[in-house]
PDB file of N, CA and C in Angstrom:
ATOM      1  N   MET A   1       0.857  -1.168   0.000  1.00  0.00           N
ATOM      2  CA  MET A   1       0.000   0.000   0.000  1.00  0.00           C
ATOM      3  C   MET A   1       0.902   1.229   0.000  1.00  0.00           C
ATOM      4  N   TRP A   2       0.820   2.008  -1.061  1.00  0.00           N
ATOM      5  CA  TRP A   2       1.685   3.180  -1.170  1.00  0.00           C
ATOM      6  C   TRP A   2       0.961   4.439  -0.725  1.00  0.00           C
ATOM      7  N   ASP A   3      -0.343   4.497  -0.945  1.00  0.00           N
ATOM      8  CA  ASP A   3      -1.142   5.637  -0.497  1.00  0.00           C
ATOM      9  C   ASP A   3      -2.596   5.187  -0.424  1.00  0.00           C
ATOM     10  N   ILE A   4      -3.369   5.820   0.445  1.00  0.00           N
ATOM     11  CA  ILE A   4      -4.792   5.491   0.561  1.00  0.00           C
ATOM     12  C   ILE A   4      -5.603   6.769   0.687  1.00  0.00           C
ATOM     13  N   ASP A   5      -6.852   6.686   0.288  1.00  0.00           N
ATOM     14  CA  ASP A   5      -7.822   7.757   0.491  1.00  0.00           C
ATOM     15  C   ASP A   5      -9.196   7.119   0.568  1.00  0.00           C
ATOM     16  N   LEU A   6     -10.148   7.884   1.061  1.00  0.00           N
ATOM     17  CA  LEU A   6     -11.512   7.397   1.243  1.00  0.00           C
ATOM     18  C   LEU A   6     -12.458   8.076   0.268  1.00  0.00           C
ATOM     19  N   SER A   7     -13.572   7.414  -0.005  1.00  0.00           N
ATOM     20  CA  SER A   7     -14.596   7.989  -0.881  1.00  0.00           C
ATOM     21  C   SER A   7     -15.227   9.206  -0.207  1.00  0.00           C
ATOM     22  N   PRO A   8     -15.776  10.134  -1.007  1.00  0.00           N
ATOM     23  CA  PRO A   8     -16.298  11.374  -0.449  1.00  0.00           C
ATOM     24  C   PRO A   8     -17.697  11.276   0.159  1.00  0.00           C
ATOM     25  N   ASP A   9     -18.377  10.121   0.064  1.00  0.00           N
ATOM     26  CA  ASP A   9     -19.712  10.001   0.643  1.00  0.00           C
ATOM     27  C   ASP A   9     -19.623  10.094   2.168  1.00  0.00           C
ATOM     28  N   VAL A  10     -20.712  10.420   2.803  1.00  0.00           N
ATOM     29  CA  VAL A  10     -20.744  10.629   4.253  1.00  0.00           C
ATOM     30  C   VAL A  10     -20.220   9.414   5.014  1.00  0.00           C
ATOM     31  N   ALA A  11     -20.577   8.225   4.571  1.00  0.00           N
ATOM     32  CA  ALA A  11     -20.144   7.000   5.248  1.00  0.00           C
ATOM     33  C   ALA A  11     -18.704   6.611   4.908  1.00  0.00           C
ATOM     34  N   GLN A  12     -18.111   7.290   3.932  1.00  0.00           N
ATOM     35  CA  GLN A  12     -16.779   6.927   3.434  1.00  0.00           C
ATOM     36  C   GLN A  12     -16.712   5.419   3.196  1.00  0.00           C
ATOM     37  N   SER A  13     -17.628   4.950   2.354  1.00  0.00           N
ATOM     38  CA  SER A  13     -17.850   3.518   2.168  1.00  0.00           C
ATOM     39  C   SER A  13     -16.766   2.792   1.378  1.00  0.00           C
ATOM     40  N   GLU A  14     -15.932   3.537   0.659  1.00  0.00           N
ATOM     41  CA  GLU A  14     -14.883   2.895  -0.131  1.00  0.00           C
ATOM     42  C   GLU A  14     -13.518   3.432   0.261  1.00  0.00           C
ATOM     43  N   LEU A  15     -12.517   2.553   0.137  1.00  0.00           N
ATOM     44  CA  LEU A  15     -11.134   2.910   0.374  1.00  0.00           C
ATOM     45  C   LEU A  15     -10.379   2.674  -0.923  1.00  0.00           C
ATOM     46  N   TYR A  16      -9.543   3.616  -1.314  1.00  0.00           N
ATOM     47  CA  TYR A  16      -8.760   3.516  -2.543  1.00  0.00           C
ATOM     48  C   TYR A  16      -7.295   3.366  -2.178  1.00  0.00           C
ATOM     49  N   ASN A  17      -6.623   2.419  -2.817  1.00  0.00           N
ATOM     50  CA  ASN A  17      -5.235   2.099  -2.522  1.00  0.00           C
ATOM     51  C   ASN A  17      -4.393   2.223  -3.786  1.00  0.00           C
ATOM     52  N   ALA A  18      -3.400   3.106  -3.747  1.00  0.00           N
ATOM     53  CA  ALA A  18      -2.417   3.194  -4.828  1.00  0.00           C
ATOM     54  C   ALA A  18      -1.373   2.108  -4.591  1.00  0.00           C
ATOM     55  N   ASP A  19      -1.266   1.176  -5.509  1.00  0.00           N
ATOM     56  CA  ASP A  19      -0.357   0.032  -5.404  1.00  0.00           C
ATOM     57  C   ASP A  19       0.719   0.184  -6.475  1.00  0.00           C
ATOM     58  N   GLY A  20       1.808   0.844  -6.117  1.00  0.00           N
ATOM     59  CA  GLY A  20       2.887   1.085  -7.074  1.00  0.00           C
ATOM     60  C   GLY A  20       3.638  -0.164  -7.478  1.00  0.00           C
ATOM     61  N   GLU A  21       3.615  -1.181  -6.658  1.00  0.00           N
ATOM     62  CA  GLU A  21       4.285  -2.443  -6.993  1.00  0.00           C
ATOM     63  C   GLU A  21       3.605  -3.125  -8.174  1.00  0.00           C
ATOM     64  N   ASN A  22       2.272  -3.114  -8.193  1.00  0.00           N
ATOM     65  CA  ASN A  22       1.500  -3.762  -9.261  1.00  0.00           C
ATOM     66  C   ASN A  22       0.886  -2.771 -10.243  1.00  0.00           C
ATOM     67  N   ASN A  23       1.135  -1.475 -10.038  1.00  0.00           N
ATOM     68  CA  ASN A  23       0.645  -0.416 -10.921  1.00  0.00           C
ATOM     69  C   ASN A  23      -0.858  -0.483 -11.120  1.00  0.00           C
ATOM     70  N   LYS A  24      -1.577  -0.509 -10.002  1.00  0.00           N
ATOM     71  CA  LYS A  24      -3.038  -0.527  -9.983  1.00  0.00           C
ATOM     72  C   LYS A  24      -3.535   0.380  -8.874  1.00  0.00           C
ATOM     73  N   VAL A  25      -4.772   0.802  -9.016  1.00  0.00           N
ATOM     74  CA  VAL A  25      -5.505   1.400  -7.903  1.00  0.00           C
ATOM     75  C   VAL A  25      -6.583   0.392  -7.540  1.00  0.00           C
ATOM     76  N   TRP A  26      -6.570  -0.041  -6.293  1.00  0.00           N
ATOM     77  CA  TRP A  26      -7.549  -1.000  -5.787  1.00  0.00           C
ATOM     78  C   TRP A  26      -8.673  -0.244  -5.093  1.00  0.00           C
ATOM     79  N   VAL A  27      -9.898  -0.755  -5.252  1.00  0.00           N
ATOM     80  CA  VAL A  27     -11.068  -0.180  -4.593  1.00  0.00           C
ATOM     81  C   VAL A  27     -11.611  -1.233  -3.631  1.00  0.00           C
ATOM     82  N   PHE A  28     -11.678  -0.880  -2.356  1.00  0.00           N
ATOM     83  CA  PHE A  28     -12.161  -1.785  -1.315  1.00  0.00           C
ATOM     84  C   PHE A  28     -13.471  -1.278  -0.733  1.00  0.00           C
ATOM     85  N   SER A  29     -14.346  -2.185  -0.378  1.00  0.00           N
ATOM     86  CA  SER A  29     -15.527  -1.857   0.423  1.00  0.00           C
ATOM     87  C   SER A  29     -15.083  -1.833   1.876  1.00  0.00           C
ATOM     88  N   ARG A  30     -15.341  -0.737   2.570  1.00  0.00           N
ATOM     89  CA  ARG A  30     -14.969  -0.676   3.980  1.00  0.00           C
ATOM     90  C   ARG A  30     -15.884  -1.538   4.832  1.00  0.00           C
ATOM     91  N   ALA A  31     -17.116  -1.772   4.372  1.00  0.00           N
ATOM     92  CA  ALA A  31     -18.068  -2.582   5.150  1.00  0.00           C
ATOM     93  C   ALA A  31     -17.677  -4.055   5.160  1.00  0.00           C
ATOM     94  N   THR A  32     -17.130  -4.541   4.024  1.00  0.00           N
ATOM     95  CA  THR A  32     -16.823  -5.968   3.916  1.00  0.00           C
ATOM     96  C   THR A  32     -15.327  -6.277   3.883  1.00  0.00           C
ATOM     97  N   ASP A  33     -14.501  -5.249   3.752  1.00  0.00           N
ATOM     98  CA  ASP A  33     -13.048  -5.425   3.603  1.00  0.00           C
ATOM     99  C   ASP A  33     -12.683  -6.221   2.357  1.00  0.00           C
ATOM    100  N   LYS A  34     -13.546  -6.219   1.361  1.00  0.00           N
ATOM    101  CA  LYS A  34     -13.312  -6.960   0.114  1.00  0.00           C
ATOM    102  C   LYS A  34     -12.965  -6.002  -1.022  1.00  0.00           C
ATOM    103  N   VAL A  35     -12.175  -6.495  -1.971  1.00  0.00           N
ATOM    104  CA  VAL A  35     -11.884  -5.741  -3.193  1.00  0.00           C
ATOM    105  C   VAL A  35     -13.148  -5.706  -4.037  1.00  0.00           C
ATOM    106  N   ILE A  36     -13.576  -4.520  -4.422  1.00  0.00           N
ATOM    107  CA  ILE A  36     -14.764  -4.400  -5.274  1.00  0.00           C
ATOM    108  C   ILE A  36     -14.426  -3.875  -6.665  1.00  0.00           C
ATOM    109  N   GLY A  37     -13.160  -3.597  -6.897  1.00  0.00           N
ATOM    110  CA  GLY A  37     -12.745  -3.147  -8.216  1.00  0.00           C
ATOM    111  C   GLY A  37     -11.295  -2.727  -8.223  1.00  0.00           C
ATOM    112  N   SER A  38     -10.804  -2.451  -9.414  1.00  0.00           N
ATOM    113  CA  SER A  38      -9.452  -1.929  -9.592  1.00  0.00           C
ATOM    114  C   SER A  38      -9.370  -1.321 -10.983  1.00  0.00           C
ATOM    115  N   PHE A  39      -8.364  -0.503 -11.172  1.00  0.00           N
ATOM    116  CA  PHE A  39      -8.098   0.015 -12.515  1.00  0.00           C
ATOM    117  C   PHE A  39      -6.618   0.312 -12.639  1.00  0.00           C
ATOM    118  N   GLY A  40      -6.170   0.377 -13.881  1.00  0.00           N
ATOM    119  CA  GLY A  40      -4.770   0.619 -14.188  1.00  0.00           C
ATOM    120  C   GLY A  40      -4.021  -0.671 -14.457  1.00  0.00           C
ATOM    121  N   ARG A  41      -2.873  -0.506 -15.064  1.00  0.00           N
ATOM    122  CA  ARG A  41      -1.946  -1.603 -15.317  1.00  0.00           C
ATOM    123  C   ARG A  41      -0.604  -0.980 -15.666  1.00  0.00           C
ATOM    124  N   ASN A  42       0.401  -1.791 -15.763  1.00  0.00           N
ATOM    125  CA  ASN A  42       1.731  -1.295 -16.072  1.00  0.00           C
ATOM    126  C   ASN A  42       1.777  -0.720 -17.481  1.00  0.00           C
ATOM    127  N   GLY A  43       2.361   0.437 -17.614  1.00  0.00           N
ATOM    128  CA  GLY A  43       2.521   1.054 -18.921  1.00  0.00           C
ATOM    129  C   GLY A  43       2.651   2.557 -18.812  1.00  0.00           C
ATOM    130  N   ARG A  44       2.785   3.196 -19.950  1.00  0.00           N
ATOM    131  CA  ARG A  44       2.993   4.639 -19.974  1.00  0.00           C
ATOM    132  C   ARG A  44       1.918   5.384 -20.749  1.00  0.00           C
ATOM    133  N   SER A  45       0.912   4.683 -21.203  1.00  0.00           N
ATOM    134  CA  SER A  45      -0.195   5.327 -21.909  1.00  0.00           C
ATOM    135  C   SER A  45      -1.216   5.836 -20.903  1.00  0.00           C
ATOM    136  N   ALA A  46      -2.174   6.623 -21.385  1.00  0.00           N
ATOM    137  CA  ALA A  46      -3.233   7.135 -20.517  1.00  0.00           C
ATOM    138  C   ALA A  46      -3.961   5.966 -19.854  1.00  0.00           C
ATOM    139  N   GLY A  47      -4.191   6.072 -18.561  1.00  0.00           N
ATOM    140  CA  GLY A  47      -4.870   5.020 -17.816  1.00  0.00           C
ATOM    141  C   GLY A  47      -3.956   3.928 -17.302  1.00  0.00           C
ATOM    142  N   GLN A  48      -2.695   3.960 -17.711  1.00  0.00           N
ATOM    143  CA  GLN A  48      -1.705   3.008 -17.226  1.00  0.00           C
ATOM    144  C   GLN A  48      -0.788   3.724 -16.239  1.00  0.00           C
ATOM    145  N   PHE A  49      -0.019   2.951 -15.480  1.00  0.00           N
ATOM    146  CA  PHE A  49       0.844   3.544 -14.473  1.00  0.00           C
ATOM    147  C   PHE A  49       2.278   3.060 -14.581  1.00  0.00           C
ATOM    148  N   HIS A  50       3.191   3.951 -14.250  1.00  0.00           N
ATOM    149  CA  HIS A  50       4.591   3.601 -14.017  1.00  0.00           C
ATOM    150  C   HIS A  50       4.925   4.130 -12.632  1.00  0.00           C
ATOM    151  N   TRP A  51       4.862   3.255 -11.631  1.00  0.00           N
ATOM    152  CA  TRP A  51       5.100   3.585 -10.229  1.00  0.00           C
ATOM    153  C   TRP A  51       4.081   4.578  -9.691  1.00  0.00           C
ATOM    154  N   VAL A  52       2.799   4.207  -9.769  1.00  0.00           N
ATOM    155  CA  VAL A  52       1.771   5.059  -9.148  1.00  0.00           C
ATOM    156  C   VAL A  52       2.089   5.165  -7.665  1.00  0.00           C
ATOM    157  N   HIS A  53       2.169   6.375  -7.168  1.00  0.00           N
ATOM    158  CA  HIS A  53       2.679   6.586  -5.814  1.00  0.00           C
ATOM    159  C   HIS A  53       1.678   7.256  -4.886  1.00  0.00           C
ATOM    160  N   ASN A  54       0.952   8.243  -5.391  1.00  0.00           N
ATOM    161  CA  ASN A  54      -0.001   8.974  -4.566  1.00  0.00           C
ATOM    162  C   ASN A  54      -1.346   9.045  -5.257  1.00  0.00           C
ATOM    163  N   LEU A  55      -2.386   9.242  -4.449  1.00  0.00           N
ATOM    164  CA  LEU A  55      -3.711   9.499  -5.004  1.00  0.00           C
ATOM    165  C   LEU A  55      -4.484  10.414  -4.076  1.00  0.00           C
ATOM    166  N   ALA A  56      -5.464  11.072  -4.653  1.00  0.00           N
ATOM    167  CA  ALA A  56      -6.374  11.938  -3.897  1.00  0.00           C
ATOM    168  C   ALA A  56      -7.742  11.832  -4.541  1.00  0.00           C
ATOM    169  N   VAL A  57      -8.779  11.999  -3.736  1.00  0.00           N
ATOM    170  CA  VAL A  57     -10.155  11.915  -4.213  1.00  0.00           C
ATOM    171  C   VAL A  57     -10.832  13.250  -3.935  1.00  0.00           C
ATOM    172  N   ASP A  58     -11.516  13.801  -4.950  1.00  0.00           N
ATOM    173  CA  ASP A  58     -12.225  15.059  -4.723  1.00  0.00           C
ATOM    174  C   ASP A  58     -13.674  14.804  -4.306  1.00  0.00           C
ATOM    175  N   SER A  59     -14.427  15.867  -4.083  1.00  0.00           N
ATOM    176  CA  SER A  59     -15.795  15.747  -3.574  1.00  0.00           C
ATOM    177  C   SER A  59     -16.756  15.100  -4.558  1.00  0.00           C
ATOM    178  N   ARG A  60     -16.375  14.981  -5.818  1.00  0.00           N
ATOM    179  CA  ARG A  60     -17.215  14.319  -6.836  1.00  0.00           C
ATOM    180  C   ARG A  60     -16.841  12.859  -7.035  1.00  0.00           C
ATOM    181  N   GLY A  61     -15.823  12.400  -6.338  1.00  0.00           N
ATOM    182  CA  GLY A  61     -15.383  11.014  -6.476  1.00  0.00           C
ATOM    183  C   GLY A  61     -14.341  10.802  -7.559  1.00  0.00           C
ATOM    184  N   ASN A  62     -13.872  11.885  -8.204  1.00  0.00           N
ATOM    185  CA  ASN A  62     -12.781  11.759  -9.165  1.00  0.00           C
ATOM    186  C   ASN A  62     -11.505  11.418  -8.415  1.00  0.00           C
ATOM    187  N   ILE A  63     -10.686  10.580  -9.015  1.00  0.00           N
ATOM    188  CA  ILE A  63      -9.427  10.183  -8.399  1.00  0.00           C
ATOM    189  C   ILE A  63      -8.279  10.761  -9.210  1.00  0.00           C
ATOM    190  N   TYR A  64      -7.345  11.379  -8.506  1.00  0.00           N
ATOM    191  CA  TYR A  64      -6.144  11.941  -9.115  1.00  0.00           C
ATOM    192  C   TYR A  64      -4.964  11.116  -8.643  1.00  0.00           C
ATOM    193  N   THR A  65      -4.122  10.693  -9.579  1.00  0.00           N
ATOM    194  CA  THR A  65      -2.958   9.884  -9.236  1.00  0.00           C
ATOM    195  C   THR A  65      -1.687  10.612  -9.640  1.00  0.00           C
ATOM    196  N   ALA A  66      -0.597  10.283  -8.954  1.00  0.00           N
ATOM    197  CA  ALA A  66       0.722  10.819  -9.283  1.00  0.00           C
ATOM    198  C   ALA A  66       1.709   9.660  -9.341  1.00  0.00           C
ATOM    199  N   GLU A  67       2.600   9.737 -10.325  1.00  0.00           N
ATOM    200  CA  GLU A  67       3.591   8.690 -10.524  1.00  0.00           C
ATOM    201  C   GLU A  67       4.992   9.235 -10.262  1.00  0.00           C
ATOM    202  N   VAL A  68       5.862   8.368  -9.773  1.00  0.00           N
ATOM    203  CA  VAL A  68       7.238   8.751  -9.469  1.00  0.00           C
ATOM    204  C   VAL A  68       8.183   8.057 -10.435  1.00  0.00           C
ATOM    205  N   ASP A  69       9.477   8.148 -10.144  1.00  0.00           N
ATOM    206  CA  ASP A  69      10.532   7.606 -10.979  1.00  0.00           C
ATOM    207  C   ASP A  69      10.463   8.310 -12.324  1.00  0.00           C
ATOM    208  N   THR A  70      10.445   7.594 -13.417  1.00  0.00           N
ATOM    209  CA  THR A  70      10.377   8.260 -14.726  1.00  0.00           C
ATOM    210  C   THR A  70       8.938   8.432 -15.201  1.00  0.00           C
ATOM    211  N   GLY A  71       7.945   8.011 -14.389  1.00  0.00           N
ATOM    212  CA  GLY A  71       6.537   8.248 -14.734  1.00  0.00           C
ATOM    213  C   GLY A  71       6.241   9.737 -14.780  1.00  0.00           C
ATOM    214  N   LYS A  72       6.594  10.443 -13.707  1.00  0.00           N
ATOM    215  CA  LYS A  72       6.549  11.899 -13.608  1.00  0.00           C
ATOM    216  C   LYS A  72       5.299  12.535 -14.203  1.00  0.00           C
ATOM    217  N   ARG A  73       4.139  12.064 -13.787  1.00  0.00           N
ATOM    218  CA  ARG A  73       2.914  12.686 -14.293  1.00  0.00           C
ATOM    219  C   ARG A  73       1.785  12.495 -13.302  1.00  0.00           C
ATOM    220  N   ALA A  74       0.739  13.257 -13.530  1.00  0.00           N
ATOM    221  CA  ALA A  74      -0.506  13.114 -12.777  1.00  0.00           C
ATOM    222  C   ALA A  74      -1.601  12.748 -13.760  1.00  0.00           C
ATOM    223  N   GLN A  75      -2.581  11.966 -13.305  1.00  0.00           N
ATOM    224  CA  GLN A  75      -3.716  11.598 -14.147  1.00  0.00           C
ATOM    225  C   GLN A  75      -5.007  11.783 -13.351  1.00  0.00           C
ATOM    226  N   LYS A  76      -6.073  12.039 -14.080  1.00  0.00           N
ATOM    227  CA  LYS A  76      -7.398  12.169 -13.466  1.00  0.00           C
ATOM    228  C   LYS A  76      -8.276  11.038 -13.970  1.00  0.00           C
ATOM    229  N   PHE A  77      -8.984  10.388 -13.047  1.00  0.00           N
ATOM    230  CA  PHE A  77      -9.915   9.317 -13.376  1.00  0.00           C
ATOM    231  C   PHE A  77     -11.294   9.722 -12.886  1.00  0.00           C
ATOM    232  N   THR A  78     -12.258   9.681 -13.797  1.00  0.00           N
ATOM    233  CA  THR A  78     -13.626  10.057 -13.446  1.00  0.00           C
ATOM    234  C   THR A  78     -14.453   8.804 -13.218  1.00  0.00           C
ATOM    235  N   ARG A  79     -15.320   8.881 -12.221  1.00  0.00           N
ATOM    236  CA  ARG A  79     -16.139   7.726 -11.859  1.00  0.00           C
ATOM    237  C   ARG A  79     -17.351   7.621 -12.780  1.00  0.00           C
ATOM    238  N   HIS A  80     -17.624   6.399 -13.217  1.00  0.00           N
ATOM    239  CA  HIS A  80     -18.801   6.064 -14.025  1.00  0.00           C
ATOM    240  C   HIS A  80     -19.456   4.834 -13.397  1.00  0.00           C
ATOM    241  N   ASP A  81     -20.640   4.481 -13.835  1.00  0.00           N
ATOM    242  CA  ASP A  81     -21.332   3.323 -13.272  1.00  0.00           C
ATOM    243  C   ASP A  81     -20.497   2.049 -13.373  1.00  0.00           C
ATOM    244  N   GLN A  82     -19.686   1.924 -14.396  1.00  0.00           N
ATOM    245  CA  GLN A  82     -18.869   0.726 -14.600  1.00  0.00           C
ATOM    246  C   GLN A  82     -17.510   0.805 -13.922  1.00  0.00           C
ATOM    247  N   GLY A  83     -17.207   1.912 -13.242  1.00  0.00           N
ATOM    248  CA  GLY A  83     -15.901   2.053 -12.605  1.00  0.00           C
ATOM    249  C   GLY A  83     -15.295   3.401 -12.919  1.00  0.00           C
ATOM    250  N   TYR A  84     -13.986   3.420 -13.199  1.00  0.00           N
ATOM    251  CA  TYR A  84     -13.265   4.665 -13.437  1.00  0.00           C
ATOM    252  C   TYR A  84     -12.677   4.681 -14.831  1.00  0.00           C
ATOM    253  N   ASN A  85     -12.691   5.872 -15.454  1.00  0.00           N
ATOM    254  CA  ASN A  85     -12.075   6.080 -16.769  1.00  0.00           C
ATOM    255  C   ASN A  85     -11.062   7.196 -16.655  1.00  0.00           C
ATOM    256  N   GLY A  86      -9.901   6.994 -17.278  1.00  0.00           N
ATOM    257  CA  GLY A  86      -8.855   8.021 -17.262  1.00  0.00           C
ATOM    258  C   GLY A  86      -9.115   9.109 -18.268  1.00  0.00           C
ATOM    259  N   ARG A  87      -8.574  10.258 -17.964  1.00  0.00           N
ATOM    260  CA  ARG A  87      -8.625  11.402 -18.879  1.00  0.00           C
ATOM    261  C   ARG A  87      -7.247  12.004 -18.977  1.00  0.00           C
TER     262      ARG A  87
END
């Protein structure tokens, strides 16, 4: 676990984990402690990660990620019914 943040709903029902080792963002249900989704994979294209290191969630549920090493970028992911899409 490289960084974590909580969903913006009042109950903070989801936990988001930046996993730089596997280049994914994991989504956990706080009620069940189970993985309910993930996004990202290794790579340098939009929606992919090279050492995803930090994340933050805004009041609309958008997730912002930052990459270290030679990744050196930030990405924004917007929430949709099917999960998250990068922009």
